[in-house]
Amino acid sequence: MKESLYNIAHSRKEQINNIGFNYKGKIFRKTLSSYMFMDPTRTAILDRFETWVYFLVEKVKSIRTYYNYTVPKDYTKIN
């Protein structure tokens, strides 16, 4: 999706410091024990589950943006 010139001009001086943790591919590595990742078969299964968990978290973010009427519908800087 192409970003509109209005949004670029409106947010060019916007400085948001705490935009959150980039957790793509790191959710299970940060929350589960390292013992769980010793078996390669189990690691492959957990990696597949992690893609689904990441997908669900991103959808929750989009729902939060949808119900927050103070930000535009395509706002991406939400925690």
Protein backbone atom coordinates (compact mmCIF):
# COMPACT_ATOMS: atom_id res chain seq x y z
CA MET A 1 0.00 0.00 0.00
CA LYS A 2 1.39 3.36 -1.00
CA GLU A 3 1.66 5.91 1.79
CA SER A 4 -0.13 9.19 1.15
CA LEU A 5 1.77 12.45 0.94
CA TYR A 6 -0.45 13.93 3.65
CA ASN A 7 0.62 11.25 6.13
CA ILE A 8 4.28 11.74 5.25
CA ALA A 9 4.04 15.50 5.72
CA HIS A 10 2.00 15.16 8.91
CA SER A 11 4.36 12.72 10.60
CA ARG A 12 7.74 13.98 9.38
CA LYS A 13 8.61 15.62 12.70
CA GLU A 14 6.94 13.02 14.87
CA GLN A 15 9.35 11.48 17.35
CA ILE A 16 8.09 8.43 19.20
CA ASN A 17 10.73 6.93 21.48
CA ASN A 18 9.09 3.90 23.09
CA ILE A 19 7.50 2.01 20.21
CA GLY A 20 7.95 -1.41 21.79
CA PHE A 21 10.01 -4.53 21.33
CA ASN A 22 10.51 -6.12 17.93
CA TYR A 23 9.41 -9.63 18.84
CA LYS A 24 9.13 -11.22 15.40
CA GLY A 25 10.86 -14.59 15.71
CA LYS A 26 11.74 -14.04 19.38
CA ILE A 27 8.53 -14.67 21.31
CA PHE A 28 9.19 -18.27 22.31
CA ARG A 29 12.96 -17.78 22.64
CA LYS A 30 12.36 -15.08 25.25
CA THR A 31 9.54 -16.81 27.15
CA LEU A 32 10.34 -20.53 27.07
CA SER A 33 13.24 -22.40 28.60
CA SER A 34 16.30 -23.01 26.44
CA TYR A 35 15.86 -26.71 27.22
CA MET A 36 12.83 -26.72 24.89
CA PHE A 37 15.03 -25.81 21.93
CA MET A 38 17.60 -28.60 22.30
CA ASP A 39 15.64 -31.06 20.14
CA PRO A 40 15.61 -30.02 16.44
CA THR A 41 12.19 -31.56 15.82
CA ARG A 42 10.64 -29.68 18.72
CA THR A 43 12.37 -26.48 17.59
CA ALA A 44 10.81 -26.79 14.14
CA ILE A 45 7.36 -27.27 15.67
CA LEU A 46 7.83 -24.30 18.00
CA ASP A 47 8.92 -22.13 15.09
CA ARG A 48 5.68 -22.93 13.28
CA PHE A 49 3.65 -22.12 16.38
CA GLU A 50 5.57 -18.90 16.80
CA THR A 51 4.49 -17.64 13.39
CA TRP A 52 0.87 -18.12 14.43
CA VAL A 53 1.39 -16.42 17.79
CA TYR A 54 3.05 -13.47 16.05
CA PHE A 55 0.15 -13.29 13.60
CA LEU A 56 -2.38 -13.21 16.45
CA VAL A 57 -0.50 -10.47 18.31
CA GLU A 58 -0.39 -8.34 15.17
CA LYS A 59 -4.13 -8.79 14.67
CA VAL A 60 -4.77 -7.64 18.24
CA LYS A 61 -2.78 -4.51 17.42
CA SER A 62 -4.94 -3.85 14.39
CA ILE A 63 -8.09 -4.28 16.49
CA ARG A 64 -6.72 -1.80 19.03
CA THR A 65 -6.10 0.68 16.22
CA TYR A 66 -9.60 0.11 14.81
CA TYR A 67 -11.33 0.92 18.09
CA ASN A 68 -9.08 3.87 18.95
CA TYR A 69 -10.84 6.78 17.27
CA THR A 70 -8.00 9.24 17.95
CA VAL A 71 -5.60 7.69 15.40
CA PRO A 72 -6.03 7.05 11.66
CA LYS A 73 -7.09 3.57 10.59
CA ASP A 74 -3.71 2.78 9.01
CA TYR A 75 -1.63 3.87 12.03
CA THR A 76 1.24 1.45 12.63
CA LYS A 77 3.10 2.90 15.61
CA ILE A 78 0.99 1.28 18.31
CA ASN A 79 2.53 -0.89 21.04
